[in-house]
Amino acid sequence: MAERVRRHTIGDTLRRSRKRNPNKPALKWKDTQLTFLELDEKVNQLANRLLAEGLNKGERVAILATNGLDFAIAHYAISRIGAIGVPINFMLKPSEVLYIFQHCEPAAIFVSPKCIETAEIAAEGMKSLRLKILMDTDEVLSGWLTLSDWINGGSKEEPDVEIDYHDVVNILYTSGTESRPKGVMLTHRNLISEYASCIVDFHFEKDDKLIHAMPLFHSAQLHAFLGPSIYLGSSGVIVETPQPEVLMDTISREQITQFFCPPAVWLAVIRHEKFRPGDFQSLRKCYFGASATPMEVLKEAREILPEVRFWNTYGQTEAAPFATVLYPEEQLDKIGTVGRPCLNMETKVVDEFNRDVPAGRIGEIVHRSPHVMAGYYREKQKSKAAFADQWFHSGDLGFFDEDGYLTVVDRKKDMIKTGGENVSSLEVEEVIYQHPDVSEVSVVGIPHPHWTEAVTAVIVPKPGRSLEKAELIAFCKVKMADYKVPKFVVLTDGFPRNPSGKILKRELRRLYQNLANEMKT
């Protein structure tokens, strides 16, 4: 009984915001807007219906969906009954979704219309699956329950379920640097401690109005922005996809004050032919994340929108996902770094023997924090390896400067080993971004008979600009040591990306793995 008095779960954060601000807009989606009271009642209706259908605490419930209001309702309803939500990348192929279904064995799935075909293929023969619920539509399909009709008339009272602060509430499957993604288990404690860090370090205010544009299945939008805003009691607008015209229209029309996106999305917006700085007069806070922010991109953003304050963030799903922050007032002095550890995070850099390294020396970035995951679902050995020496090992390489600011050098796997030297792909990218004709660049190492790996720059030129490969190489030679200069330059129209906007370097390595041989012929 005493534990219930002290309980602090994801569902509790919504109820408390409802009691503080019952009539305040919580979330808007297209023409539908719900107050905190209405959102909480919808969540209770769905939670009670799931319980009535026999869904049990601890069972997994998958969400395979594009962004929408029903996504948020399902997320909170699942947490409120003690089940475990499993948001899934809606861009995955049926075979990839099948792997996740087989790994987590969902008892129910929530699916948006665009994902029905994938869900049907992946769910065929799943013995664990008892409920299939269609979201964001009034359409009736055989074998599916339509969420909007299904919960109508249900009880709006919060169900009484025993949930512990340390219970797992989400399993988030990593975007995958290996052949198979890992299921990151996050508890109520992980997430709420991370929400507190976000609110403090991102300077969230209850009067803010956010746009939730990046995919909600990803930890960044779901847990660094949606969750903290619901916890604090600020308002949000959900859009289905981060298309530049949609973002520009929504930010202007809804008077958005906060916006999170990776640098690639930001570039697409400010370089769009219809972009007008005057339409962004309400915007006050912008957050770059999901990948390192090139210095030239940040400088351009500050010049175009001088009233906007910019944060740079770093983290990963296993940290729920927030780890470090660079504040707006630090951007000029510490540009190129990702700041210092956030409120509830402790971070250091270690060598291959788990010994602390001094400032300026590169090592692996490791963390301690209540944010950090409970472990990988059904992966005891990988969980054990991740927590070696009682720290969480990120797999990222970096170094602290004398003032305690962290620079992420690269992923371990993205460090290029060429001619006996190590080359940071990020360092080379930073130089190439200074070229006036470069819109985006990604640097990878490809197999080479002489160099072991050849530094290779894959570049998207700015619209209407011509870029000579020889001239680009000459540009780089002036600014960096010869062994860092790209041996090959590839011009392209776009990059393969994961849903958070990160360029998939593993795909670039695969696409250009034979480039050295092709250049001989």
Protein backbone atom coordinates (compact mmCIF):
# COMPACT_ATOMS: atom_id res chain seq x y z
CA MET A 1 0.00 0.00 0.00
CA ALA A 2 2.83 2.39 0.88
CA GLU A 3 4.41 1.74 -2.51
CA ARG A 4 1.23 2.92 -4.23
CA VAL A 5 1.47 6.18 -2.27
CA ARG A 6 4.95 6.79 -3.70
CA ARG A 7 4.31 5.43 -7.20
CA HIS A 8 5.71 7.46 -10.08
CA THR A 9 5.00 5.99 -13.52
CA ILE A 10 4.44 7.24 -17.07
CA GLY A 11 0.69 7.00 -16.58
CA ASP A 12 0.93 9.00 -13.36
CA THR A 13 2.63 11.91 -15.17
CA LEU A 14 -0.37 12.31 -17.48
CA ARG A 15 -2.92 12.12 -14.67
CA ARG A 16 -1.09 14.77 -12.65
CA SER A 17 -0.94 17.11 -15.65
CA ARG A 18 -4.66 16.56 -16.16
CA LYS A 19 -5.36 17.58 -12.57
CA ARG A 20 -3.21 20.70 -12.87
CA ASN A 21 -4.42 21.74 -16.32
CA PRO A 22 -7.66 19.92 -17.21
CA ASN A 23 -8.80 22.36 -19.88
CA LYS A 24 -5.43 23.15 -21.42
CA PRO A 25 -4.74 21.77 -24.93
CA ALA A 26 -2.49 18.73 -24.67
CA LEU A 27 -2.18 17.41 -28.20
CA LYS A 28 -3.46 18.43 -31.60
CA TRP A 29 -3.60 16.18 -34.66
CA LYS A 30 -5.03 17.52 -37.91
CA ASP A 31 -8.45 19.00 -36.93
CA THR A 32 -8.68 17.17 -33.59
CA GLN A 33 -7.45 18.73 -30.36
CA LEU A 34 -7.61 17.10 -26.95
CA THR A 35 -7.28 18.85 -23.61
CA PHE A 36 -5.35 17.11 -20.85
CA LEU A 37 -8.70 15.99 -19.38
CA GLU A 38 -9.85 14.57 -22.72
CA LEU A 39 -6.52 12.90 -23.41
CA ASP A 40 -6.47 11.27 -19.98
CA GLU A 41 -10.04 10.03 -20.39
CA LYS A 42 -9.26 8.54 -23.82
CA VAL A 43 -6.22 6.79 -22.35
CA ASN A 44 -8.37 5.37 -19.54
CA GLN A 45 -11.02 4.16 -21.97
CA LEU A 46 -8.44 2.31 -24.01
CA ALA A 47 -6.66 0.95 -20.93
CA ASN A 48 -9.89 -0.43 -19.48
CA ARG A 49 -10.82 -2.03 -22.79
CA LEU A 50 -7.43 -3.71 -23.08
CA LEU A 51 -7.83 -5.11 -19.58
CA ALA A 52 -11.35 -6.31 -20.39
CA GLU A 53 -9.97 -8.17 -23.40
CA GLY A 54 -7.57 -10.05 -21.13
CA LEU A 55 -4.34 -8.21 -21.77
CA ASN A 56 -2.02 -8.83 -18.83
CA LYS A 57 0.66 -6.86 -17.08
CA GLY A 58 4.07 -7.50 -18.63
CA GLU A 59 2.74 -8.60 -22.01
CA ARG A 60 4.21 -6.88 -25.03
CA VAL A 61 2.05 -4.62 -27.20
CA ALA A 62 3.52 -3.50 -30.52
CA ILE A 63 2.79 -0.18 -32.23
CA LEU A 64 3.52 -0.23 -35.95
CA ALA A 65 2.37 3.19 -37.04
CA THR A 66 3.14 6.55 -38.52
CA ASN A 67 2.69 9.60 -36.28
CA GLY A 68 -0.82 10.33 -35.07
CA LEU A 69 -2.91 11.12 -32.02
CA ASP A 70 -3.86 7.47 -31.53
CA PHE A 71 -0.15 6.62 -31.22
CA ALA A 72 0.10 8.80 -28.12
CA ILE A 73 -3.16 7.43 -26.68
CA ALA A 74 -2.01 3.84 -27.20
CA HIS A 75 1.43 4.56 -25.71
CA TYR A 76 -0.03 5.92 -22.46
CA ALA A 77 -2.81 3.31 -22.24
CA ILE A 78 -0.30 0.46 -22.56
CA SER A 79 1.84 1.94 -19.80
CA ARG A 80 -1.21 2.49 -17.58
CA ILE A 81 -2.06 -1.23 -17.44
CA GLY A 82 1.52 -2.35 -16.81
CA ALA A 83 2.01 -3.80 -20.28
CA ILE A 84 5.15 -3.14 -22.33
CA GLY A 85 4.90 -0.95 -25.41
CA VAL A 86 7.03 -1.89 -28.41
CA PRO A 87 7.10 0.97 -30.95
CA ILE A 88 8.34 -0.34 -34.30
CA ASN A 89 9.89 1.47 -37.24
CA PHE A 90 7.10 1.72 -39.83
CA MET A 91 9.67 1.79 -42.66
CA LEU A 92 10.89 -1.74 -41.98
CA LYS A 93 10.23 -4.53 -44.44
CA PRO A 94 7.82 -7.33 -43.42
CA SER A 95 10.74 -9.70 -42.81
CA GLU A 96 12.33 -7.18 -40.44
CA VAL A 97 9.06 -6.63 -38.56
CA LEU A 98 8.62 -10.40 -38.41
CA TYR A 99 11.95 -10.71 -36.58
CA ILE A 100 10.82 -8.18 -33.96
CA PHE A 101 7.43 -9.90 -33.57
CA GLN A 102 9.13 -13.26 -33.12
CA HIS A 103 11.59 -11.78 -30.66
CA CYS A 104 9.14 -9.93 -28.40
CA GLU A 105 5.98 -12.04 -29.03
CA PRO A 106 3.32 -9.32 -28.83
CA ALA A 107 -0.12 -10.09 -27.43
CA ALA A 108 -1.60 -7.13 -29.32
CA ILE A 109 -0.63 -4.80 -32.13
CA PHE A 110 -1.72 -1.24 -32.91
CA VAL A 111 -1.35 -0.43 -36.60
CA SER A 112 -1.98 2.68 -38.73
CA PRO A 113 -3.53 2.31 -42.21
CA LYS A 114 -0.26 2.67 -44.13
CA CYS A 115 1.24 -0.26 -42.21
CA ILE A 116 -1.57 -2.82 -42.53
CA GLU A 117 0.01 -4.84 -45.32
CA THR A 118 3.34 -5.13 -43.50
CA ALA A 119 1.58 -6.02 -40.25
CA GLU A 120 -0.57 -8.69 -41.89
CA ILE A 121 2.44 -10.40 -43.44
CA ALA A 122 4.56 -10.21 -40.30
CA ALA A 123 1.75 -11.29 -37.94
CA GLU A 124 0.68 -14.34 -39.92
CA GLY A 125 0.85 -17.42 -37.69
CA MET A 126 1.85 -15.47 -34.55
CA LYS A 127 0.47 -17.62 -31.74
CA SER A 128 0.98 -14.92 -29.10
CA LEU A 129 -1.15 -12.36 -30.96
CA ARG A 130 -4.73 -11.96 -29.68
CA LEU A 131 -5.70 -8.39 -30.61
CA LYS A 132 -5.22 -6.39 -33.83
CA ILE A 133 -6.26 -2.74 -33.51
CA LEU A 134 -6.44 -0.25 -36.36
CA MET A 135 -5.62 3.39 -35.52
CA ASP A 136 -6.19 6.83 -37.05
CA THR A 137 -9.14 5.76 -39.21
CA ASP A 138 -12.84 4.94 -39.08
CA GLU A 139 -12.38 2.19 -41.66
CA VAL A 140 -13.66 -1.27 -40.76
CA LEU A 141 -11.54 -4.23 -41.83
CA SER A 142 -12.20 -7.90 -41.29
CA GLY A 143 -10.15 -9.26 -38.41
CA TRP A 144 -9.31 -5.80 -37.08
CA LEU A 145 -10.76 -3.67 -34.30
CA THR A 146 -11.08 0.05 -35.06
CA LEU A 147 -9.72 1.96 -32.08
CA SER A 148 -12.08 4.96 -32.22
CA ASP A 149 -15.22 2.77 -32.18
CA TRP A 150 -13.78 0.07 -29.96
CA ILE A 151 -13.21 2.31 -26.92
CA ASN A 152 -16.39 4.40 -27.21
CA GLY A 153 -18.56 4.06 -24.14
CA GLY A 154 -15.75 2.58 -22.05
CA SER A 155 -15.04 3.68 -18.51
CA LYS A 156 -13.13 6.94 -18.20
CA GLU A 157 -11.93 6.06 -14.69
CA GLU A 158 -8.29 5.11 -14.28
CA PRO A 159 -7.85 1.33 -13.89
CA ASP A 160 -6.34 0.08 -10.63
CA VAL A 161 -3.23 -1.85 -11.64
CA GLU A 162 -0.17 -2.47 -9.47
CA ILE A 163 2.77 -1.01 -11.37
CA ASP A 164 6.28 -0.59 -9.99
CA TYR A 165 8.64 2.27 -10.77
CA HIS A 166 11.18 -0.33 -11.92
CA ASP A 167 8.84 -2.20 -14.27
CA VAL A 168 9.77 -2.20 -17.95
CA VAL A 169 7.41 0.09 -19.88
CA ASN A 170 9.02 0.09 -23.35
CA ILE A 171 11.16 -2.14 -25.52
CA LEU A 172 12.71 -0.03 -28.26
CA TYR A 173 14.53 -1.86 -31.01
CA THR A 174 17.76 -0.19 -32.06
CA SER A 175 18.08 0.97 -35.64
CA GLY A 176 20.78 -1.63 -35.93
CA THR A 177 24.53 -1.54 -36.44
CA GLU A 178 24.56 -5.34 -36.45
CA SER A 179 22.68 -7.94 -38.47
CA ARG A 180 19.80 -7.93 -35.98
CA PRO A 181 18.45 -5.05 -33.87
CA LYS A 182 18.53 -5.30 -30.08
CA GLY A 183 15.52 -4.64 -27.85
CA VAL A 184 16.36 -1.87 -25.36
CA MET A 185 14.33 -2.28 -22.16
CA LEU A 186 13.38 1.03 -20.53
CA THR A 187 11.63 1.26 -17.17
CA HIS A 188 9.35 3.95 -15.76
CA ARG A 189 12.29 5.08 -13.65
CA ASN A 190 14.59 5.31 -16.67
CA LEU A 191 12.15 7.48 -18.56
CA ILE A 192 10.95 9.80 -15.81
CA SER A 193 14.49 10.58 -14.68
CA GLU A 194 15.31 11.32 -18.32
CA TYR A 195 12.20 13.54 -18.60
CA ALA A 196 13.48 15.58 -15.66
CA SER A 197 16.83 16.05 -17.38
CA CYS A 198 15.13 17.16 -20.59
CA ILE A 199 12.85 19.65 -18.82
CA VAL A 200 15.76 21.25 -16.97
CA ASP A 201 18.48 21.17 -19.62
CA PHE A 202 16.27 21.96 -22.62
CA HIS A 203 14.65 24.83 -20.69
CA PHE A 204 11.14 23.47 -21.19
CA GLU A 205 8.34 25.74 -19.97
CA LYS A 206 4.68 24.92 -19.44
CA ASP A 207 3.65 27.61 -21.94
CA ASP A 208 5.76 26.11 -24.72
CA LYS A 209 4.14 24.67 -27.83
CA LEU A 210 6.00 21.84 -29.52
CA ILE A 211 5.77 20.27 -32.94
CA HIS A 212 6.13 16.48 -32.82
CA ALA A 213 7.37 15.84 -36.34
CA MET A 214 10.03 13.17 -36.10
CA PRO A 215 8.83 9.54 -35.82
CA LEU A 216 7.19 8.80 -32.48
CA PHE A 217 8.43 5.21 -32.53
CA HIS A 218 11.93 6.64 -32.05
CA SER A 219 13.16 7.41 -28.55
CA ALA A 220 14.16 11.00 -29.39
CA GLN A 221 10.72 12.37 -30.29
CA LEU A 222 8.82 10.04 -27.95
CA HIS A 223 10.94 10.37 -24.84
CA ALA A 224 12.95 13.59 -25.16
CA PHE A 225 10.02 15.72 -26.28
CA LEU A 226 6.54 14.16 -26.15
CA GLY A 227 6.98 12.53 -22.74
CA PRO A 228 8.58 15.54 -21.02
CA SER A 229 5.97 17.92 -22.49
CA ILE A 230 3.09 15.77 -21.19
CA TYR A 231 4.84 15.50 -17.80
CA LEU A 232 5.28 19.28 -17.60
CA GLY A 233 1.87 20.14 -19.04
CA SER A 234 2.85 21.97 -22.23
CA SER A 235 1.00 21.71 -25.53
CA GLY A 236 1.99 19.85 -28.69
CA VAL A 237 1.03 19.46 -32.33
CA ILE A 238 1.61 16.10 -34.03
CA VAL A 239 2.35 15.91 -37.75
CA GLU A 240 2.67 12.69 -39.68
CA THR A 241 5.96 13.30 -41.45
CA PRO A 242 8.71 15.96 -41.32
CA GLN A 243 8.17 17.22 -44.86
CA PRO A 244 9.57 20.77 -45.24
CA GLU A 245 6.33 22.35 -46.45
CA VAL A 246 4.32 20.66 -43.68
CA LEU A 247 6.80 21.83 -41.06
CA MET A 248 6.88 25.40 -42.34
CA ASP A 249 3.10 25.64 -42.51
CA THR A 250 2.56 24.09 -39.07
CA ILE A 251 5.20 26.16 -37.29
CA SER A 252 3.71 29.35 -38.73
CA ARG A 253 0.00 28.50 -38.33
CA GLU A 254 0.22 26.95 -34.85
CA GLN A 255 2.76 29.45 -33.50
CA ILE A 256 5.18 26.71 -32.49
CA THR A 257 7.88 27.71 -30.00
CA GLN A 258 9.95 24.47 -29.84
CA PHE A 259 11.23 22.29 -32.65
CA PHE A 260 13.44 19.19 -32.61
CA CYS A 261 15.02 17.67 -35.71
CA PRO A 262 18.27 16.22 -37.03
CA PRO A 263 20.48 18.55 -39.10
CA ALA A 264 19.30 16.93 -42.37
CA VAL A 265 15.68 17.97 -41.74
CA TRP A 266 16.70 21.48 -40.70
CA LEU A 267 18.70 21.90 -43.89
CA ALA A 268 15.73 20.74 -45.98
CA VAL A 269 13.56 23.41 -44.33
CA ILE A 270 15.83 26.46 -44.48
CA ARG A 271 16.96 25.68 -48.03
CA HIS A 272 13.45 25.10 -49.33
CA GLU A 273 12.35 27.52 -52.03
CA LYS A 274 9.30 28.56 -49.97
CA PHE A 275 11.18 29.14 -46.70
CA ARG A 276 10.65 32.62 -45.26
CA PRO A 277 12.27 33.52 -41.91
CA GLY A 278 9.31 35.75 -41.08
CA ASP A 279 7.04 32.71 -40.85
CA PHE A 280 9.13 31.43 -37.93
CA GLN A 281 8.65 34.43 -35.64
CA SER A 282 7.10 32.31 -32.88
CA LEU A 283 10.00 29.84 -32.80
CA ARG A 284 12.28 30.34 -29.82
CA LYS A 285 14.00 27.00 -29.14
CA CYS A 286 15.44 24.54 -31.63
CA TYR A 287 17.20 21.28 -30.84
CA PHE A 288 19.60 19.43 -33.08
CA GLY A 289 20.08 15.77 -32.39
CA ALA A 290 20.22 12.26 -33.87
CA SER A 291 23.56 13.05 -35.53
CA ALA A 292 26.45 15.44 -35.04
CA THR A 293 25.65 19.02 -36.06
CA PRO A 294 28.18 20.38 -38.56
CA MET A 295 29.57 23.77 -37.58
CA GLU A 296 28.60 25.34 -40.89
CA VAL A 297 24.98 24.23 -40.48
CA LEU A 298 24.79 25.78 -37.02
CA LYS A 299 26.32 29.05 -38.17
CA GLU A 300 23.86 29.27 -41.06
CA ALA A 301 20.92 28.59 -38.74
CA ARG A 302 21.96 31.30 -36.28
CA GLU A 303 22.34 33.85 -39.06
CA ILE A 304 18.95 33.13 -40.63
CA LEU A 305 17.00 33.06 -37.34
CA PRO A 306 18.89 35.22 -34.81
CA GLU A 307 16.01 35.14 -32.28
CA VAL A 308 16.07 31.34 -32.04
CA ARG A 309 18.21 29.65 -29.39
CA PHE A 310 19.87 26.43 -30.50
CA TRP A 311 20.75 23.39 -28.42
CA ASN A 312 22.98 20.54 -29.54
CA THR A 313 22.31 17.16 -27.94
CA TYR A 314 23.89 13.75 -27.85
CA GLY A 315 22.68 10.38 -26.65
CA GLN A 316 21.36 6.99 -27.71
CA THR A 317 18.33 4.77 -27.19
CA GLU A 318 20.02 2.95 -24.31
CA ALA A 319 20.18 6.29 -22.43
CA ALA A 320 16.46 6.94 -23.03
CA PRO A 321 18.05 8.76 -25.12
CA PHE A 322 19.50 11.96 -23.55
CA ALA A 323 23.13 12.09 -22.38
CA THR A 324 24.82 15.47 -23.01
CA VAL A 325 23.80 18.99 -23.94
CA LEU A 326 25.46 22.08 -25.38
CA TYR A 327 23.53 25.19 -24.39
CA PRO A 328 22.80 28.11 -26.75
CA GLU A 329 25.16 30.47 -24.96
CA GLU A 330 28.00 27.93 -25.31
CA GLN A 331 27.65 27.36 -29.04
CA LEU A 332 30.29 29.83 -30.21
CA ASP A 333 32.92 29.03 -27.59
CA LYS A 334 32.44 25.25 -27.71
CA ILE A 335 31.21 24.71 -31.23
CA GLY A 336 31.96 21.20 -32.43
CA THR A 337 31.39 19.67 -29.01
CA VAL A 338 28.21 18.05 -27.71
CA GLY A 339 28.45 19.83 -24.37
CA ARG A 340 28.52 18.35 -20.91
CA PRO A 341 26.53 15.58 -19.21
CA CYS A 342 22.91 16.49 -18.57
CA LEU A 343 21.24 16.77 -15.16
CA ASN A 344 20.94 13.07 -14.26
CA MET A 345 23.92 11.78 -16.23
CA GLU A 346 27.53 10.99 -15.37
CA THR A 347 29.86 10.46 -18.32
CA LYS A 348 33.53 9.67 -18.73
CA VAL A 349 35.96 8.41 -21.36
CA VAL A 350 37.95 5.20 -20.89
CA ASP A 351 40.60 3.17 -22.71
CA GLU A 352 40.34 -0.46 -23.81
CA PHE A 353 41.13 -1.55 -20.23
CA ASN A 354 38.29 0.61 -18.78
CA ARG A 355 40.77 3.07 -17.28
CA ASP A 356 39.97 6.78 -17.24
CA VAL A 357 41.86 8.76 -19.86
CA PRO A 358 43.03 12.37 -19.46
CA ALA A 359 41.49 15.36 -21.20
CA GLY A 360 42.25 15.47 -24.89
CA ARG A 361 42.79 11.73 -25.29
CA ILE A 362 40.32 9.67 -27.31
CA GLY A 363 38.57 6.72 -25.70
CA GLU A 364 35.18 5.07 -25.42
CA ILE A 365 32.34 7.15 -23.98
CA VAL A 366 30.66 5.45 -21.00
CA HIS A 367 27.75 6.50 -18.78
CA ARG A 368 26.14 6.07 -15.39
CA SER A 369 22.61 7.34 -14.94
CA PRO A 370 19.09 6.39 -13.89
CA HIS A 371 18.31 7.03 -17.60
CA VAL A 372 20.31 3.99 -18.66
CA MET A 373 18.32 0.96 -19.82
CA ALA A 374 17.56 -2.11 -17.74
CA GLY A 375 19.25 -4.24 -20.41
CA TYR A 376 18.67 -5.82 -23.80
CA TYR A 377 15.55 -7.98 -24.01
CA ARG A 378 16.43 -11.68 -24.10
CA GLU A 379 20.11 -10.83 -24.65
CA LYS A 380 21.92 -11.61 -21.40
CA GLN A 381 25.42 -11.76 -22.87
CA LYS A 382 25.06 -8.49 -24.78
CA SER A 383 23.60 -6.84 -21.68
CA LYS A 384 26.52 -8.06 -19.59
CA ALA A 385 29.03 -6.74 -22.11
CA ALA A 386 27.28 -3.36 -22.26
CA PHE A 387 27.62 -2.92 -18.47
CA ALA A 388 31.26 -3.96 -18.17
CA ASP A 389 33.04 -2.49 -15.16
CA GLN A 390 29.69 -1.12 -13.88
CA TRP A 391 29.41 1.54 -16.57
CA PHE A 392 27.28 1.52 -19.71
CA HIS A 393 29.52 1.32 -22.77
CA SER A 394 28.14 3.46 -25.59
CA GLY A 395 30.32 2.19 -28.44
CA ASP A 396 31.12 5.84 -29.28
CA LEU A 397 34.59 7.32 -29.30
CA GLY A 398 35.30 10.79 -27.95
CA PHE A 399 37.30 13.00 -25.64
CA PHE A 400 36.74 15.69 -23.02
CA ASP A 401 38.52 19.02 -23.17
CA GLU A 402 39.99 20.70 -20.10
CA ASP A 403 36.63 22.37 -19.35
CA GLY A 404 34.70 19.08 -19.38
CA TYR A 405 33.06 19.45 -22.81
CA LEU A 406 32.69 16.27 -24.81
CA THR A 407 33.60 15.86 -28.46
CA VAL A 408 32.25 12.75 -30.17
CA VAL A 409 34.93 11.59 -32.58
CA ASP A 410 33.10 8.67 -34.15
CA ARG A 411 31.40 5.38 -33.62
CA LYS A 412 34.00 2.68 -33.07
CA LYS A 413 32.86 1.08 -36.30
CA ASP A 414 33.08 4.37 -38.25
CA MET A 415 36.72 5.13 -37.46
CA ILE A 416 38.61 4.71 -40.74
CA LYS A 417 41.90 2.82 -40.62
CA THR A 418 43.93 3.93 -43.61
CA GLY A 419 47.64 3.37 -44.26
CA GLY A 420 48.30 2.62 -40.59
CA GLU A 421 46.56 5.81 -39.39
CA ASN A 422 43.17 6.35 -37.77
CA VAL A 423 40.93 8.93 -39.42
CA SER A 424 37.75 10.33 -37.88
CA SER A 425 35.03 10.48 -40.52
CA LEU A 426 33.39 13.33 -38.58
CA GLU A 427 36.57 15.42 -38.73
CA VAL A 428 36.76 15.05 -42.51
CA GLU A 429 33.07 15.86 -42.84
CA GLU A 430 33.51 19.07 -40.87
CA VAL A 431 36.16 20.26 -43.34
CA ILE A 432 34.12 19.33 -46.42
CA TYR A 433 31.05 21.14 -45.02
CA GLN A 434 33.07 24.36 -45.30
CA HIS A 435 33.04 24.06 -49.09
CA PRO A 436 30.46 26.50 -50.52
CA ASP A 437 29.02 23.98 -53.01
CA VAL A 438 28.41 21.15 -50.52
CA SER A 439 24.91 20.59 -49.14
CA GLU A 440 25.54 17.31 -47.28
CA VAL A 441 28.42 14.90 -46.91
CA SER A 442 29.08 11.53 -45.34
CA VAL A 443 32.58 10.07 -45.11
CA VAL A 444 33.22 6.32 -44.93
CA GLY A 445 36.07 3.91 -45.36
CA ILE A 446 35.92 1.42 -48.22
CA PRO A 447 38.18 -1.61 -48.81
CA HIS A 448 41.41 -0.78 -50.61
CA PRO A 449 44.30 -3.11 -51.55
CA HIS A 450 46.98 -0.60 -50.57
CA TRP A 451 45.43 1.63 -47.89
CA THR A 452 43.38 -1.13 -46.20
CA GLU A 453 40.55 1.41 -46.15
CA ALA A 454 40.28 4.42 -48.44
CA VAL A 455 38.75 7.63 -47.10
CA THR A 456 35.70 8.20 -49.32
CA ALA A 457 33.46 11.28 -49.34
CA VAL A 458 29.88 10.85 -50.54
CA ILE A 459 28.49 14.32 -51.30
CA VAL A 460 25.15 15.93 -52.15
CA PRO A 461 25.95 19.24 -53.92
CA LYS A 462 23.84 22.31 -53.28
CA PRO A 463 21.02 22.78 -55.80
CA GLY A 464 22.20 24.43 -58.97
CA ARG A 465 25.88 24.13 -58.05
CA SER A 466 28.50 22.14 -59.93
CA LEU A 467 31.18 20.40 -57.90
CA GLU A 468 34.44 19.19 -59.39
CA LYS A 469 35.91 16.20 -57.58
CA ALA A 470 39.51 17.29 -58.15
CA GLU A 471 38.74 20.77 -56.85
CA LEU A 472 37.13 19.29 -53.72
CA ILE A 473 40.19 17.15 -53.04
CA ALA A 474 42.45 20.17 -53.50
CA PHE A 475 40.24 22.11 -51.07
CA CYS A 476 40.70 19.38 -48.46
CA LYS A 477 44.48 19.20 -48.91
CA VAL A 478 44.79 22.82 -47.80
CA LYS A 479 42.91 22.11 -44.57
CA MET A 480 44.02 18.67 -43.37
CA ALA A 481 46.84 16.15 -43.37
CA ASP A 482 47.24 14.22 -46.60
CA TYR A 483 46.28 10.86 -45.07
CA LYS A 484 42.88 12.32 -44.08
CA VAL A 485 42.08 13.68 -47.54
CA PRO A 486 39.48 11.61 -49.41
CA LYS A 487 40.94 9.18 -51.92
CA PHE A 488 37.54 9.01 -53.64
CA VAL A 489 34.69 11.49 -54.05
CA VAL A 490 31.19 10.31 -54.99
CA LEU A 491 28.43 12.74 -55.96
CA THR A 492 24.85 11.68 -55.23
CA ASP A 493 21.29 13.04 -55.01
CA GLY A 494 20.61 11.70 -51.50
CA PHE A 495 21.56 9.31 -48.72
CA PRO A 496 20.07 6.16 -47.25
CA ARG A 497 18.80 7.10 -43.80
CA ASN A 498 17.19 5.57 -40.77
CA PRO A 499 13.92 7.10 -39.49
CA SER A 500 15.68 9.43 -37.05
CA GLY A 501 17.45 11.05 -39.99
CA LYS A 502 20.86 9.47 -39.47
CA ILE A 503 22.76 8.61 -42.63
CA LEU A 504 23.24 4.84 -42.80
CA LYS A 505 26.98 4.61 -43.24
CA ARG A 506 26.83 0.83 -43.30
CA GLU A 507 24.69 1.14 -46.44
CA LEU A 508 27.18 3.54 -48.03
CA ARG A 509 29.99 1.10 -47.26
CA ARG A 510 27.96 -1.66 -48.89
CA LEU A 511 27.05 0.43 -51.95
CA TYR A 512 30.64 1.49 -52.62
CA GLN A 513 32.54 -1.55 -51.37
CA ASN A 514 33.90 -2.28 -54.86
CA LEU A 515 34.70 1.33 -55.73
CA ALA A 516 38.48 0.86 -55.49
CA ASN A 517 38.37 -1.99 -58.01
CA GLU A 518 36.00 -0.10 -60.29
CA MET A 519 38.31 2.93 -60.37
CA LYS A 520 41.13 0.72 -61.71
CA THR A 521 39.19 -0.31 -64.79
